[in-house]
Amino acid sequence: MQSEQLVQIAVAALEDLKAQDITTIDVRGKTSITDFMVIASGSSSRQVKALVENVMEKVKAQGVRPLGSEGLDGGEWALLDLGDIVVHVMQVATRQFYDLERLWQGAEQSRAQHSPEQE
């Protein structure tokens, strides 16, 4: 599966459960760790966990096996490693503190489009 397709699946899974401020960062050529980072916010530890679990479920349904996950127990910041993409889901305060978007500001970033029915 292409990296771009995997990003679309992850973003759709995050949107399904009302993740906030979904950002995709293209880090190809900037790091050898991954091609894309998807960053989203959840309003509570329960939502953070549910968001990451939904992404896991959706990518597994497409035959993609996650390489690992971290932070699901705490729910402040959860990470899902899908190889070509890494999904970070954080509570708002944690996301503001670590400001991953600023760390990757030289990389191409895009925000998920919010459709009216998500309001």
PDB file of N, CA and C in Angstrom:
ATOM      1  N   MET A   1       0.835  -1.183   0.000  1.00  0.00           N
ATOM      2  CA  MET A   1       0.000   0.000   0.000  1.00  0.00           C
ATOM      3  C   MET A   1       0.878   1.244   0.000  1.00  0.00           C
ATOM      4  N   GLN A   2       0.517   2.212  -0.804  1.00  0.00           N
ATOM      5  CA  GLN A   2       1.265   3.469  -0.897  1.00  0.00           C
ATOM      6  C   GLN A   2       1.123   4.266   0.403  1.00  0.00           C
ATOM      7  N   SER A   3       2.162   5.020   0.731  1.00  0.00           N
ATOM      8  CA  SER A   3       2.138   5.853   1.936  1.00  0.00           C
ATOM      9  C   SER A   3       0.961   6.818   1.934  1.00  0.00           C
ATOM     10  N   GLU A   4       0.702   7.430   0.775  1.00  0.00           N
ATOM     11  CA  GLU A   4      -0.377   8.413   0.670  1.00  0.00           C
ATOM     12  C   GLU A   4      -1.746   7.781   0.961  1.00  0.00           C
ATOM     13  N   GLN A   5      -1.946   6.541   0.511  1.00  0.00           N
ATOM     14  CA  GLN A   5      -3.203   5.835   0.781  1.00  0.00           C
ATOM     15  C   GLN A   5      -3.347   5.546   2.273  1.00  0.00           C
ATOM     16  N   LEU A   6      -2.248   5.168   2.887  1.00  0.00           N
ATOM     17  CA  LEU A   6      -2.254   4.878   4.314  1.00  0.00           C
ATOM     18  C   LEU A   6      -2.574   6.147   5.113  1.00  0.00           C
ATOM     19  N   VAL A   7      -2.035   7.271   4.690  1.00  0.00           N
ATOM     20  CA  VAL A   7      -2.339   8.554   5.340  1.00  0.00           C
ATOM     21  C   VAL A   7      -3.833   8.834   5.238  1.00  0.00           C
ATOM     22  N   GLN A   8      -4.411   8.616   4.075  1.00  0.00           N
ATOM     23  CA  GLN A   8      -5.845   8.866   3.881  1.00  0.00           C
ATOM     24  C   GLN A   8      -6.696   7.995   4.799  1.00  0.00           C
ATOM     25  N   ILE A   9      -6.315   6.743   4.947  1.00  0.00           N
ATOM     26  CA  ILE A   9      -7.046   5.831   5.829  1.00  0.00           C
ATOM     27  C   ILE A   9      -6.949   6.305   7.279  1.00  0.00           C
ATOM     28  N   ALA A  10      -5.740   6.683   7.695  1.00  0.00           N
ATOM     29  CA  ALA A  10      -5.544   7.145   9.070  1.00  0.00           C
ATOM     30  C   ALA A  10      -6.334   8.420   9.336  1.00  0.00           C
ATOM     31  N   VAL A  11      -6.285   9.373   8.416  1.00  0.00           N
ATOM     32  CA  VAL A  11      -7.006  10.634   8.597  1.00  0.00           C
ATOM     33  C   VAL A  11      -8.508  10.376   8.649  1.00  0.00           C
ATOM     34  N   ALA A  12      -9.008   9.529   7.779  1.00  0.00           N
ATOM     35  CA  ALA A  12     -10.445   9.204   7.783  1.00  0.00           C
ATOM     36  C   ALA A  12     -10.852   8.555   9.108  1.00  0.00           C
ATOM     37  N   ALA A  13     -10.008   7.674   9.629  1.00  0.00           N
ATOM     38  CA  ALA A  13     -10.309   7.013  10.906  1.00  0.00           C
ATOM     39  C   ALA A  13     -10.329   8.026  12.050  1.00  0.00           C
ATOM     40  N   LEU A  14      -9.427   9.000  11.994  1.00  0.00           N
ATOM     41  CA  LEU A  14      -9.406  10.046  13.016  1.00  0.00           C
ATOM     42  C   LEU A  14     -10.641  10.936  12.901  1.00  0.00           C
ATOM     43  N   GLU A  15     -11.004  11.267  11.668  1.00  0.00           N
ATOM     44  CA  GLU A  15     -12.193  12.100  11.450  1.00  0.00           C
ATOM     45  C   GLU A  15     -13.461  11.390  11.905  1.00  0.00           C
ATOM     46  N   ASP A  16     -13.515  10.065  11.747  1.00  0.00           N
ATOM     47  CA  ASP A  16     -14.683   9.277  12.168  1.00  0.00           C
ATOM     48  C   ASP A  16     -15.039   9.525  13.629  1.00  0.00           C
ATOM     49  N   LEU A  17     -14.003   9.679  14.451  1.00  0.00           N
ATOM     50  CA  LEU A  17     -14.236   9.848  15.891  1.00  0.00           C
ATOM     51  C   LEU A  17     -13.991  11.275  16.359  1.00  0.00           C
ATOM     52  N   LYS A  18     -14.091  12.210  15.416  1.00  0.00           N
ATOM     53  CA  LYS A  18     -14.054  13.650  15.723  1.00  0.00           C
ATOM     54  C   LYS A  18     -12.734  14.140  16.311  1.00  0.00           C
ATOM     55  N   ALA A  19     -11.612  13.639  15.789  1.00  0.00           N
ATOM     56  CA  ALA A  19     -10.313  14.180  16.189  1.00  0.00           C
ATOM     57  C   ALA A  19     -10.269  15.653  15.799  1.00  0.00           C
ATOM     58  N   GLN A  20      -9.517  16.420  16.551  1.00  0.00           N
ATOM     59  CA  GLN A  20      -9.402  17.849  16.302  1.00  0.00           C
ATOM     60  C   GLN A  20      -8.069  18.166  15.638  1.00  0.00           C
ATOM     61  N   ASP A  21      -8.071  19.183  14.776  1.00  0.00           N
ATOM     62  CA  ASP A  21      -6.852  19.767  14.223  1.00  0.00           C
ATOM     63  C   ASP A  21      -5.898  18.704  13.644  1.00  0.00           C
ATOM     64  N   ILE A  22      -6.377  17.934  12.697  1.00  0.00           N
ATOM     65  CA  ILE A  22      -5.568  16.874  12.088  1.00  0.00           C
ATOM     66  C   ILE A  22      -4.595  17.495  11.096  1.00  0.00           C
ATOM     67  N   THR A  23      -3.321  17.211  11.288  1.00  0.00           N
ATOM     68  CA  THR A  23      -2.267  17.749  10.429  1.00  0.00           C
ATOM     69  C   THR A  23      -1.425  16.598   9.890  1.00  0.00           C
ATOM     70  N   THR A  24      -1.118  16.658   8.604  1.00  0.00           N
ATOM     71  CA  THR A  24      -0.238  15.675   7.973  1.00  0.00           C
ATOM     72  C   THR A  24       1.056  16.384   7.595  1.00  0.00           C
ATOM     73  N   ILE A  25       2.179  15.786   7.958  1.00  0.00           N
ATOM     74  CA  ILE A  25       3.491  16.368   7.649  1.00  0.00           C
ATOM     75  C   ILE A  25       4.277  15.378   6.802  1.00  0.00           C
ATOM     76  N   ASP A  26       4.701  15.834   5.641  1.00  0.00           N
ATOM     77  CA  ASP A  26       5.504  15.032   4.721  1.00  0.00           C
ATOM     78  C   ASP A  26       6.969  15.201   5.116  1.00  0.00           C
ATOM     79  N   VAL A  27       7.559  14.144   5.671  1.00  0.00           N
ATOM     80  CA  VAL A  27       8.947  14.221   6.140  1.00  0.00           C
ATOM     81  C   VAL A  27       9.896  13.401   5.265  1.00  0.00           C
ATOM     82  N   ARG A  28       9.413  12.996   4.075  1.00  0.00           N
ATOM     83  CA  ARG A  28      10.305  12.291   3.155  1.00  0.00           C
ATOM     84  C   ARG A  28      11.470  13.214   2.815  1.00  0.00           C
ATOM     85  N   GLY A  29      12.658  12.696   2.844  1.00  0.00           N
ATOM     86  CA  GLY A  29      13.839  13.497   2.559  1.00  0.00           C
ATOM     87  C   GLY A  29      14.353  14.261   3.767  1.00  0.00           C
ATOM     88  N   LYS A  30      13.586  14.275   4.857  1.00  0.00           N
ATOM     89  CA  LYS A  30      14.006  14.975   6.079  1.00  0.00           C
ATOM     90  C   LYS A  30      14.465  13.999   7.152  1.00  0.00           C
ATOM     91  N   THR A  31      13.944  12.764   7.079  1.00  0.00           N
ATOM     92  CA  THR A  31      14.301  11.731   8.047  1.00  0.00           C
ATOM     93  C   THR A  31      14.144  10.367   7.386  1.00  0.00           C
ATOM     94  N   SER A  32      14.900   9.406   7.866  1.00  0.00           N
ATOM     95  CA  SER A  32      14.777   8.046   7.331  1.00  0.00           C
ATOM     96  C   SER A  32      13.813   7.207   8.169  1.00  0.00           C
ATOM     97  N   ILE A  33      13.262   7.791   9.213  1.00  0.00           N
ATOM     98  CA  ILE A  33      12.401   7.054  10.136  1.00  0.00           C
ATOM     99  C   ILE A  33      11.054   6.728   9.515  1.00  0.00           C
ATOM    100  N   THR A  34      10.466   7.675   8.789  1.00  0.00           N
ATOM    101  CA  THR A  34       9.126   7.518   8.245  1.00  0.00           C
ATOM    102  C   THR A  34       8.930   8.486   7.088  1.00  0.00           C
ATOM    103  N   ASP A  35       7.839   8.332   6.356  1.00  0.00           N
ATOM    104  CA  ASP A  35       7.530   9.243   5.245  1.00  0.00           C
ATOM    105  C   ASP A  35       6.589  10.363   5.662  1.00  0.00           C
ATOM    106  N   PHE A  36       5.612  10.033   6.504  1.00  0.00           N
ATOM    107  CA  PHE A  36       4.615  11.011   6.930  1.00  0.00           C
ATOM    108  C   PHE A  36       4.369  10.904   8.419  1.00  0.00           C
ATOM    109  N   MET A  37       4.032  12.047   9.007  1.00  0.00           N
ATOM    110  CA  MET A  37       3.539  12.082  10.376  1.00  0.00           C
ATOM    111  C   MET A  37       2.139  12.658  10.318  1.00  0.00           C
ATOM    112  N   VAL A  38       1.232  12.012  11.017  1.00  0.00           N
ATOM    113  CA  VAL A  38      -0.125  12.518  11.152  1.00  0.00           C
ATOM    114  C   VAL A  38      -0.293  12.865  12.629  1.00  0.00           C
ATOM    115  N   ILE A  39      -0.688  14.110  12.877  1.00  0.00           N
ATOM    116  CA  ILE A  39      -0.836  14.595  14.248  1.00  0.00           C
ATOM    117  C   ILE A  39      -2.276  15.050  14.433  1.00  0.00           C
ATOM    118  N   ALA A  40      -2.875  14.639  15.543  1.00  0.00           N
ATOM    119  CA  ALA A  40      -4.251  15.027  15.838  1.00  0.00           C
ATOM    120  C   ALA A  40      -4.412  15.212  17.342  1.00  0.00           C
ATOM    121  N   SER A  41      -5.462  15.932  17.704  1.00  0.00           N
ATOM    122  CA  SER A  41      -5.760  16.157  19.117  1.00  0.00           C
ATOM    123  C   SER A  41      -7.051  15.459  19.505  1.00  0.00           C
ATOM    124  N   GLY A  42      -7.049  14.987  20.743  1.00  0.00           N
ATOM    125  CA  GLY A  42      -8.245  14.428  21.352  1.00  0.00           C
ATOM    126  C   GLY A  42      -8.560  15.224  22.607  1.00  0.00           C
ATOM    127  N   SER A  43      -9.816  15.257  22.997  1.00  0.00           N
ATOM    128  CA  SER A  43     -10.222  16.108  24.118  1.00  0.00           C
ATOM    129  C   SER A  43     -10.040  15.460  25.490  1.00  0.00           C
ATOM    130  N   SER A  44      -9.785  14.160  25.524  1.00  0.00           N
ATOM    131  CA  SER A  44      -9.614  13.457  26.802  1.00  0.00           C
ATOM    132  C   SER A  44      -8.739  12.231  26.572  1.00  0.00           C
ATOM    133  N   SER A  45      -8.279  11.639  27.665  1.00  0.00           N
ATOM    134  CA  SER A  45      -7.457  10.433  27.535  1.00  0.00           C
ATOM    135  C   SER A  45      -8.269   9.305  26.893  1.00  0.00           C
ATOM    136  N   ARG A  46      -9.547   9.244  27.199  1.00  0.00           N
ATOM    137  CA  ARG A  46     -10.412   8.225  26.607  1.00  0.00           C
ATOM    138  C   ARG A  46     -10.512   8.425  25.088  1.00  0.00           C
ATOM    139  N   GLN A  47     -10.665   9.669  24.640  1.00  0.00           N
ATOM    140  CA  GLN A  47     -10.772   9.914  23.199  1.00  0.00           C
ATOM    141  C   GLN A  47      -9.439   9.644  22.503  1.00  0.00           C
ATOM    142  N   VAL A  48      -8.325  10.040  23.118  1.00  0.00           N
ATOM    143  CA  VAL A  48      -7.005   9.775  22.530  1.00  0.00           C
ATOM    144  C   VAL A  48      -6.847   8.281  22.270  1.00  0.00           C
ATOM    145  N   LYS A  49      -7.167   7.481  23.264  1.00  0.00           N
ATOM    146  CA  LYS A  49      -7.055   6.027  23.134  1.00  0.00           C
ATOM    147  C   LYS A  49      -7.993   5.507  22.046  1.00  0.00           C
ATOM    148  N   ALA A  50      -9.236   5.975  22.031  1.00  0.00           N
ATOM    149  CA  ALA A  50     -10.215   5.525  21.037  1.00  0.00           C
ATOM    150  C   ALA A  50      -9.781   5.903  19.619  1.00  0.00           C
ATOM    151  N   LEU A  51      -9.211   7.088  19.455  1.00  0.00           N
ATOM    152  CA  LEU A  51      -8.758   7.531  18.135  1.00  0.00           C
ATOM    153  C   LEU A  51      -7.673   6.609  17.592  1.00  0.00           C
ATOM    154  N   VAL A  52      -6.676   6.317  18.417  1.00  0.00           N
ATOM    155  CA  VAL A  52      -5.574   5.454  17.974  1.00  0.00           C
ATOM    156  C   VAL A  52      -6.083   4.036  17.712  1.00  0.00           C
ATOM    157  N   GLU A  53      -6.958   3.546  18.556  1.00  0.00           N
ATOM    158  CA  GLU A  53      -7.506   2.204  18.344  1.00  0.00           C
ATOM    159  C   GLU A  53      -8.327   2.140  17.057  1.00  0.00           C
ATOM    160  N   ASN A  54      -9.034   3.220  16.713  1.00  0.00           N
ATOM    161  CA  ASN A  54      -9.810   3.245  15.476  1.00  0.00           C
ATOM    162  C   ASN A  54      -8.886   3.233  14.260  1.00  0.00           C
ATOM    163  N   VAL A  55      -7.788   3.992  14.327  1.00  0.00           N
ATOM    164  CA  VAL A  55      -6.817   3.967  13.226  1.00  0.00           C
ATOM    165  C   VAL A  55      -6.263   2.548  13.079  1.00  0.00           C
ATOM    166  N   MET A  56      -5.905   1.925  14.208  1.00  0.00           N
ATOM    167  CA  MET A  56      -5.381   0.553  14.180  1.00  0.00           C
ATOM    168  C   MET A  56      -6.355  -0.400  13.501  1.00  0.00           C
ATOM    169  N   GLU A  57      -7.612  -0.302  13.884  1.00  0.00           N
ATOM    170  CA  GLU A  57      -8.649  -1.177  13.327  1.00  0.00           C
ATOM    171  C   GLU A  57      -8.793  -0.969  11.814  1.00  0.00           C
ATOM    172  N   LYS A  58      -8.819   0.287  11.380  1.00  0.00           N
ATOM    173  CA  LYS A  58      -9.023   0.597   9.956  1.00  0.00           C
ATOM    174  C   LYS A  58      -7.841   0.146   9.098  1.00  0.00           C
ATOM    175  N   VAL A  59      -6.610   0.336   9.585  1.00  0.00           N
ATOM    176  CA  VAL A  59      -5.457  -0.086   8.772  1.00  0.00           C
ATOM    177  C   VAL A  59      -5.326  -1.607   8.756  1.00  0.00           C
ATOM    178  N   LYS A  60      -5.657  -2.249   9.866  1.00  0.00           N
ATOM    179  CA  LYS A  60      -5.625  -3.715   9.887  1.00  0.00           C
ATOM    180  C   LYS A  60      -6.632  -4.290   8.897  1.00  0.00           C
ATOM    181  N   ALA A  61      -7.788  -3.636   8.768  1.00  0.00           N
ATOM    182  CA  ALA A  61      -8.809  -4.083   7.813  1.00  0.00           C
ATOM    183  C   ALA A  61      -8.306  -3.992   6.376  1.00  0.00           C
ATOM    184  N   GLN A  62      -7.296  -3.157   6.147  1.00  0.00           N
ATOM    185  CA  GLN A  62      -6.686  -3.011   4.824  1.00  0.00           C
ATOM    186  C   GLN A  62      -5.428  -3.875   4.676  1.00  0.00           C
ATOM    187  N   GLY A  63      -5.154  -4.719   5.670  1.00  0.00           N
ATOM    188  CA  GLY A  63      -4.025  -5.629   5.597  1.00  0.00           C
ATOM    189  C   GLY A  63      -2.702  -5.048   6.069  1.00  0.00           C
ATOM    190  N   VAL A  64      -2.750  -3.900   6.729  1.00  0.00           N
ATOM    191  CA  VAL A  64      -1.524  -3.259   7.233  1.00  0.00           C
ATOM    192  C   VAL A  64      -1.364  -3.616   8.701  1.00  0.00           C
ATOM    193  N   ARG A  65      -0.196  -4.123   9.032  1.00  0.00           N
ATOM    194  CA  ARG A  65       0.085  -4.477  10.414  1.00  0.00           C
ATOM    195  C   ARG A  65       0.901  -3.370  11.065  1.00  0.00           C
ATOM    196  N   PRO A  66       0.348  -2.744  12.130  1.00  0.00           N
ATOM    197  CA  PRO A  66       1.111  -1.734  12.855  1.00  0.00           C
ATOM    198  C   PRO A  66       2.396  -2.339  13.423  1.00  0.00           C
ATOM    199  N   LEU A  67       3.471  -1.561  13.392  1.00  0.00           N
ATOM    200  CA  LEU A  67       4.744  -2.024  13.943  1.00  0.00           C
ATOM    201  C   LEU A  67       4.769  -1.898  15.454  1.00  0.00           C
ATOM    202  N   GLY A  68       3.979  -0.981  15.984  1.00  0.00           N
ATOM    203  CA  GLY A  68       3.931  -0.809  17.429  1.00  0.00           C
ATOM    204  C   GLY A  68       3.099   0.391  17.814  1.00  0.00           C
ATOM    205  N   SER A  69       2.826   0.467  19.115  1.00  0.00           N
ATOM    206  CA  SER A  69       2.098   1.612  19.648  1.00  0.00           C
ATOM    207  C   SER A  69       2.651   1.915  21.035  1.00  0.00           C
ATOM    208  N   GLU A  70       2.500   3.161  21.423  1.00  0.00           N
ATOM    209  CA  GLU A  70       2.971   3.617  22.737  1.00  0.00           C
ATOM    210  C   GLU A  70       1.942   4.572  23.316  1.00  0.00           C
ATOM    211  N   GLY A  71       1.844   4.626  24.627  1.00  0.00           N
ATOM    212  CA  GLY A  71       1.060   5.639  25.306  1.00  0.00           C
ATOM    213  C   GLY A  71      -0.424   5.393  25.417  1.00  0.00           C
ATOM    214  N   LEU A  72      -0.900   4.232  25.008  1.00  0.00           N
ATOM    215  CA  LEU A  72      -2.338   3.985  25.078  1.00  0.00           C
ATOM    216  C   LEU A  72      -2.840   3.907  26.519  1.00  0.00           C
ATOM    217  N   ASP A  73      -2.001   3.485  27.434  1.00  0.00           N
ATOM    218  CA  ASP A  73      -2.420   3.384  28.831  1.00  0.00           C
ATOM    219  C   ASP A  73      -2.659   4.756  29.454  1.00  0.00           C
ATOM    220  N   GLY A  74      -1.743   5.694  29.190  1.00  0.00           N
ATOM    221  CA  GLY A  74      -1.858   7.030  29.789  1.00  0.00           C
ATOM    222  C   GLY A  74      -2.874   7.911  29.106  1.00  0.00           C
ATOM    223  N   GLY A  75      -2.887   7.879  27.790  1.00  0.00           N
ATOM    224  CA  GLY A  75      -3.866   8.650  27.044  1.00  0.00           C
ATOM    225  C   GLY A  75      -3.560  10.121  26.877  1.00  0.00           C
ATOM    226  N   GLU A  76      -2.384  10.561  27.327  1.00  0.00           N
ATOM    227  CA  GLU A  76      -2.013  11.961  27.131  1.00  0.00           C
ATOM    228  C   GLU A  76      -1.408  12.160  25.741  1.00  0.00           C
ATOM    229  N   TRP A  77      -0.592  11.192  25.331  1.00  0.00           N
ATOM    230  CA  TRP A  77       0.021  11.195  24.008  1.00  0.00           C
ATOM    231  C   TRP A  77       0.171   9.742  23.587  1.00  0.00           C
ATOM    232  N   ALA A  78      -0.508   9.371  22.523  1.00  0.00           N
ATOM    233  CA  ALA A  78      -0.407   8.009  22.013  1.00  0.00           C
ATOM    234  C   ALA A  78       0.200   8.056  20.623  1.00  0.00           C
ATOM    235  N   LEU A  79       1.026   7.072  20.325  1.00  0.00           N
ATOM    236  CA  LEU A  79       1.731   6.998  19.058  1.00  0.00           C
ATOM    237  C   LEU A  79       1.446   5.649  18.430  1.00  0.00           C
ATOM    238  N   LEU A  80       1.208   5.663  17.129  1.00  0.00           N
ATOM    239  CA  LEU A  80       1.000   4.432  16.375  1.00  0.00           C
ATOM    240  C   LEU A  80       1.985   4.424  15.222  1.00  0.00           C
ATOM    241  N   ASP A  81       2.871   3.435  15.208  1.00  0.00           N
ATOM    242  CA  ASP A  81       3.892   3.312  14.167  1.00  0.00           C
ATOM    243  C   ASP A  81       3.392   2.367  13.089  1.00  0.00           C
ATOM    244  N   LEU A  82       3.166   2.921  11.901  1.00  0.00           N
ATOM    245  CA  LEU A  82       2.714   2.130  10.764  1.00  0.00           C
ATOM    246  C   LEU A  82       3.819   1.982   9.727  1.00  0.00           C
ATOM    247  N   GLY A  83       5.051   2.259  10.132  1.00  0.00           N
ATOM    248  CA  GLY A  83       6.184   2.154   9.217  1.00  0.00           C
ATOM    249  C   GLY A  83       6.311   3.395   8.367  1.00  0.00           C
ATOM    250  N   ASP A  84       5.556   3.468   7.282  1.00  0.00           N
ATOM    251  CA  ASP A  84       5.630   4.619   6.386  1.00  0.00           C
ATOM    252  C   ASP A  84       4.983   5.860   6.972  1.00  0.00           C
ATOM    253  N   ILE A  85       4.106   5.674   7.954  1.00  0.00           N
ATOM    254  CA  ILE A  85       3.551   6.830   8.652  1.00  0.00           C
ATOM    255  C   ILE A  85       3.542   6.569  10.149  1.00  0.00           C
ATOM    256  N   VAL A  86       3.672   7.656  10.892  1.00  0.00           N
ATOM    257  CA  VAL A  86       3.575   7.601  12.342  1.00  0.00           C
ATOM    258  C   VAL A  86       2.425   8.517  12.733  1.00  0.00           C
ATOM    259  N   VAL A  87       1.493   7.987  13.505  1.00  0.00           N
ATOM    260  CA  VAL A  87       0.325   8.747  13.942  1.00  0.00           C
ATOM    261  C   VAL A  87       0.536   9.143  15.401  1.00  0.00           C
ATOM    262  N   HIS A  88       0.446  10.450  15.656  1.00  0.00           N
ATOM    263  CA  HIS A  88       0.539  10.989  17.015  1.00  0.00           C
ATOM    264  C   HIS A  88      -0.831  11.552  17.371  1.00  0.00           C
ATOM    265  N   VAL A  89      -1.397  11.104  18.484  1.00  0.00           N
ATOM    266  CA  VAL A  89      -2.647  11.675  18.967  1.00  0.00           C
ATOM    267  C   VAL A  89      -2.400  12.140  20.399  1.00  0.00           C
ATOM    268  N   MET A  90      -2.677  13.415  20.642  1.00  0.00           N
ATOM    269  CA  MET A  90      -2.372  14.013  21.938  1.00  0.00           C
ATOM    270  C   MET A  90      -3.550  14.818  22.455  1.00  0.00           C
ATOM    271  N   GLN A  91      -3.584  14.960  23.767  1.00  0.00           N
ATOM    272  CA  GLN A  91      -4.503  15.931  24.325  1.00  0.00           C
ATOM    273  C   GLN A  91      -3.988  17.320  23.948  1.00  0.00           C
ATOM    274  N   VAL A  92      -4.882  18.293  23.901  1.00  0.00           N
ATOM    275  CA  VAL A  92      -4.548  19.619  23.382  1.00  0.00           C
ATOM    276  C   VAL A  92      -3.349  20.252  24.109  1.00  0.00           C
ATOM    277  N   ALA A  93      -3.339  20.224  25.425  1.00  0.00           N
ATOM    278  CA  ALA A  93      -2.255  20.852  26.187  1.00  0.00           C
ATOM    279  C   ALA A  93      -0.908  20.183  25.892  1.00  0.00           C
ATOM    280  N   THR A  94      -0.906  18.878  25.767  1.00  0.00           N
ATOM    281  CA  THR A  94       0.319  18.142  25.462  1.00  0.00           C
ATOM    282  C   THR A  94       0.809  18.506  24.065  1.00  0.00           C
ATOM    283  N   ARG A  95      -0.110  18.604  23.134  1.00  0.00           N
ATOM    284  CA  ARG A  95       0.266  18.966  21.762  1.00  0.00           C
ATOM    285  C   ARG A  95       0.850  20.368  21.711  1.00  0.00           C
ATOM    286  N   GLN A  96       0.265  21.292  22.429  1.00  0.00           N
ATOM    287  CA  GLN A  96       0.796  22.654  22.454  1.00  0.00           C
ATOM    288  C   GLN A  96       2.187  22.680  23.080  1.00  0.00           C
ATOM    289  N   PHE A  97       2.392  21.895  24.116  1.00  0.00           N
ATOM    290  CA  PHE A  97       3.685  21.882  24.802  1.00  0.00           C
ATOM    291  C   PHE A  97       4.797  21.354  23.902  1.00  0.00           C
ATOM    292  N   TYR A  98       4.561  20.226  23.241  1.00  0.00           N
ATOM    293  CA  TYR A  98       5.612  19.609  22.425  1.00  0.00           C
ATOM    294  C   TYR A  98       5.714  20.224  21.031  1.00  0.00           C
ATOM    295  N   ASP A  99       4.643  20.773  20.507  1.00  0.00           N
ATOM    296  CA  ASP A  99       4.631  21.537  19.254  1.00  0.00           C
ATOM    297  C   ASP A  99       5.430  20.858  18.132  1.00  0.00           C
ATOM    298  N   LEU A 100       5.042  19.623  17.803  1.00  0.00           N
ATOM    299  CA  LEU A 100       5.742  18.869  16.764  1.00  0.00           C
ATOM    300  C   LEU A 100       5.722  19.577  15.411  1.00  0.00           C
ATOM    301  N   GLU A 101       4.646  20.300  15.135  1.00  0.00           N
ATOM    302  CA  GLU A 101       4.566  21.014  13.861  1.00  0.00           C
ATOM    303  C   GLU A 101       5.717  22.011  13.719  1.00  0.00           C
ATOM    304  N   ARG A 102       6.077  22.672  14.800  1.00  0.00           N
ATOM    305  CA  ARG A 102       7.189  23.629  14.754  1.00  0.00           C
ATOM    306  C   ARG A 102       8.512  22.900  14.510  1.00  0.00           C
ATOM    307  N   LEU A 103       8.672  21.730  15.110  1.00  0.00           N
ATOM    308  CA  LEU A 103       9.907  20.972  14.916  1.00  0.00           C
ATOM    309  C   LEU A 103      10.107  20.581  13.450  1.00  0.00           C
ATOM    310  N   TRP A 104       9.000  20.375  12.742  1.00  0.00           N
ATOM    311  CA  TRP A 104       9.053  19.963  11.344  1.00  0.00           C
ATOM    312  C   TRP A 104       8.606  21.089  10.413  1.00  0.00           C
ATOM    313  N   GLN A 105       8.793  22.334  10.815  1.00  0.00           N
ATOM    314  CA  GLN A 105       8.272  23.449  10.038  1.00  0.00           C
ATOM    315  C   GLN A 105       8.872  23.561   8.647  1.00  0.00           C
ATOM    316  N   GLY A 106      10.004  22.954   8.375  1.00  0.00           N
ATOM    317  CA  GLY A 106      10.577  22.973   7.034  1.00  0.00           C
ATOM    318  C   GLY A 106       9.935  21.962   6.098  1.00  0.00           C
ATOM    319  N   ALA A 107       9.129  21.065   6.656  1.00  0.00           N
ATOM    320  CA  ALA A 107       8.471  20.013   5.865  1.00  0.00           C
ATOM    321  C   ALA A 107       7.083  20.482   5.435  1.00  0.00           C
ATOM    322  N   GLU A 108       6.611  19.926   4.332  1.00  0.00           N
ATOM    323  CA  GLU A 108       5.271  20.268   3.845  1.00  0.00           C
ATOM    324  C   GLU A 108       4.216  19.765   4.819  1.00  0.00           C
ATOM    325  N   GLN A 109       3.314  20.670   5.221  1.00  0.00           N
ATOM    326  CA  GLN A 109       2.262  20.325   6.161  1.00  0.00           C
ATOM    327  C   GLN A 109       0.908  20.642   5.550  1.00  0.00           C
ATOM    328  N   SER A 110      -0.065  19.794   5.857  1.00  0.00           N
ATOM    329  CA  SER A 110      -1.425  20.074   5.402  1.00  0.00           C
ATOM    330  C   SER A 110      -2.400  19.689   6.491  1.00  0.00           C
ATOM    331  N   ARG A 111      -3.479  20.440   6.566  1.00  0.00           N
ATOM    332  CA  ARG A 111      -4.520  20.177   7.556  1.00  0.00           C
ATOM    333  C   ARG A 111      -5.679  19.473   6.878  1.00  0.00           C
ATOM    334  N   ALA A 112      -6.291  18.552   7.593  1.00  0.00           N
ATOM    335  CA  ALA A 112      -7.465  17.849   7.067  1.00  0.00           C
ATOM    336  C   ALA A 112      -8.586  18.859   6.886  1.00  0.00           C
ATOM    337  N   GLN A 113      -9.309  18.706   5.799  1.00  0.00           N
ATOM    338  CA  GLN A 113     -10.447  19.579   5.534  1.00  0.00           C
ATOM    339  C   GLN A 113     -11.604  19.141   6.408  1.00  0.00           C
ATOM    340  N   HIS A 114     -12.221  20.096   7.068  1.00  0.00           N
ATOM    341  CA  HIS A 114     -13.365  19.818   7.931  1.00  0.00           C
ATOM    342  C   HIS A 114     -14.624  19.930   7.111  1.00  0.00           C
ATOM    343  N   SER A 115     -15.381  18.872   6.994  1.00  0.00           N
ATOM    344  CA  SER A 115     -16.628  18.936   6.245  1.00  0.00           C
ATOM    345  C   SER A 115     -17.742  19.451   7.163  1.00  0.00           C
ATOM    346  N   PRO A 116     -18.756  20.130   6.608  1.00  0.00           N
ATOM    347  CA  PRO A 116     -19.820  20.721   7.433  1.00  0.00           C
ATOM    348  C   PRO A 116     -20.538  19.738   8.336  1.00  0.00           C
ATOM    349  N   GLU A 117     -20.689  18.477   7.913  1.00  0.00           N
ATOM    350  CA  GLU A 117     -21.395  17.521   8.755  1.00  0.00           C
ATOM    351  C   GLU A 117     -20.607  17.140  10.002  1.00  0.00           C
ATOM    352  N   GLN A 118     -19.334  17.514  10.065  1.00  0.00           N
ATOM    353  CA  GLN A 118     -18.526  17.211  11.256  1.00  0.00           C
ATOM    354  C   GLN A 118     -18.700  18.269  12.341  1.00  0.00           C
ATOM    355  N   GLU A 119     -19.347  19.356  12.037  1.00  0.00           N
ATOM    356  CA  GLU A 119     -19.532  20.442  13.009  1.00  0.00           C
ATOM    357  C   GLU A 119     -20.472  20.031  14.098  1.00  0.00           C
TER     358      GLU A 119
END
